[in-house]
Protein backbone atom coordinates (compact mmCIF):
# COMPACT_ATOMS: atom_id res chain seq x y z
CA MET A 1 0.00 0.00 0.00
CA ALA A 2 2.91 2.36 0.59
CA ASP A 3 3.69 2.16 -3.12
CA THR A 4 0.36 3.79 -3.89
CA ARG A 5 1.10 6.74 -1.61
CA LEU A 6 4.63 7.04 -2.98
CA ASN A 7 3.24 7.07 -6.52
CA LEU A 8 0.96 9.93 -5.48
CA HIS A 9 3.94 11.68 -3.87
CA TYR A 10 5.96 11.56 -7.09
CA LEU A 11 2.94 12.72 -9.06
CA LEU A 12 2.60 15.74 -6.75
CA VAL A 13 6.33 16.49 -7.08
CA ASN A 14 5.75 16.60 -10.84
CA VAL A 15 2.71 18.91 -10.44
CA LEU A 16 4.65 21.28 -8.19
CA GLY A 17 7.89 21.16 -10.19
CA SER A 18 10.02 20.83 -7.04
CA ASN A 19 10.61 18.50 -4.10
CA ASN A 20 8.71 20.73 -1.64
CA VAL A 21 6.02 18.08 -1.17
CA TYR A 22 5.26 16.99 2.39
CA PHE A 23 3.18 14.05 3.63
CA GLN A 24 1.65 14.75 7.05
CA PRO A 25 4.55 17.02 8.07
CA PRO A 26 5.28 17.42 11.79
CA SER A 27 5.02 20.91 13.25
CA THR A 28 8.81 20.97 13.73
CA ILE A 29 9.55 20.95 9.99
CA THR A 30 10.28 24.20 8.16
CA MET A 31 8.49 24.14 4.83
CA LYS A 32 9.73 25.92 1.73
CA TYR A 33 7.14 27.68 -0.43
CA PRO A 34 5.51 27.09 -2.79
CA CYS A 35 4.76 23.63 -1.50
CA ILE A 36 2.21 20.86 -1.40
CA VAL A 37 1.07 19.27 1.86
CA TYR A 38 -1.08 16.15 1.73
CA LYS A 39 -2.65 13.67 4.13
CA ARG A 40 -4.98 10.69 4.13
CA ALA A 41 -8.60 11.68 4.61
CA SER A 42 -10.71 8.55 4.13
CA GLN A 43 -11.29 5.59 1.87
CA ASN A 44 -13.97 4.78 -0.70
CA ASP A 45 -14.87 1.08 -0.67
CA ILE A 46 -17.09 -0.43 -3.34
CA TYR A 47 -18.59 -3.86 -2.79
CA ALA A 48 -19.97 -6.39 -5.28
CA ASN A 49 -21.20 -9.93 -4.68
CA ASN A 50 -20.71 -9.50 -0.93
CA SER A 51 -16.99 -8.77 -1.22
CA LEU A 52 -14.73 -5.79 -1.69
CA TYR A 53 -14.61 -4.98 -5.39
CA THR A 54 -12.37 -1.93 -5.32
CA ASN A 55 -11.20 0.75 -2.96
CA LYS A 56 -9.53 4.10 -3.36
CA LYS A 57 -7.92 6.18 -0.66
CA LYS A 58 -8.93 9.82 -0.46
CA TYR A 59 -6.21 12.37 0.20
CA LEU A 60 -6.52 16.05 1.02
CA VAL A 61 -3.92 17.96 -0.95
CA THR A 62 -3.13 21.58 -0.06
CA ILE A 63 -1.14 23.84 -2.36
CA ILE A 64 0.46 26.65 -0.37
CA ASP A 65 1.84 29.59 -2.33
CA SER A 66 2.40 33.30 -1.79
CA ASN A 67 1.31 33.95 -5.39
CA PRO A 68 -2.50 34.30 -5.59
CA ASP A 69 -2.31 33.73 -9.37
CA SER A 70 -0.18 30.59 -9.17
CA GLU A 71 -0.45 28.09 -12.05
CA ILE A 72 0.06 25.13 -9.72
CA PRO A 73 -3.70 24.76 -8.97
CA ASP A 74 -4.38 24.58 -12.72
CA ARG A 75 -1.89 21.71 -13.04
CA MET A 76 -3.46 19.99 -10.03
CA MET A 77 -6.90 20.06 -11.66
CA GLN A 78 -5.53 18.09 -14.61
CA LEU A 79 -5.15 15.03 -12.39
CA ARG A 80 -7.68 12.25 -12.59
CA TYR A 81 -10.16 11.90 -9.70
CA CYS A 82 -9.21 15.33 -8.39
CA SER A 83 -11.70 18.00 -7.29
CA PHE A 84 -11.34 21.47 -5.80
CA ASP A 85 -12.54 21.76 -2.20
CA ARG A 86 -11.80 25.29 -0.95
CA HIS A 87 -9.46 28.28 -0.92
CA TYR A 88 -8.33 30.31 2.05
CA VAL A 89 -5.57 32.71 3.03
CA ALA A 90 -3.55 32.27 6.24
CA ASP A 91 -0.37 34.05 7.31
CA GLY A 92 -0.24 35.83 3.95
CA LEU A 93 -0.15 32.52 2.05
CA ASN A 94 -2.79 31.21 -0.35
CA HIS A 95 -4.06 27.71 0.37
CA ASP A 96 -5.91 25.74 -2.31
CA VAL A 97 -7.32 22.46 -1.00
CA TYR A 98 -8.17 19.52 -3.26
CA GLU A 99 -9.55 16.04 -2.75
CA ILE A 100 -8.03 13.26 -4.80
CA PHE A 101 -8.76 9.55 -4.88
CA PHE A 102 -5.70 7.48 -5.54
């Protein structure tokens, strides 16, 4: 299962164009911006014939950038099973939150 998350990680590195991608970062880490922070949110299980047919993990992906007109969110929306959730500003940084099933 870790391979699936690592595949998502590398995909997000590609979207961002740098290695500033963090999975569930501890509060002690100093992040470099722009960056992407992501975490597991839930799982979507689909059953058929009384057994698990397929399941996808849902991740919350947050793009953090000082540029309000960043092109990173546009690249994020090109990903399959990705949808925009919300935008907010905190500490002078723009946060764009997405849900993605992977």
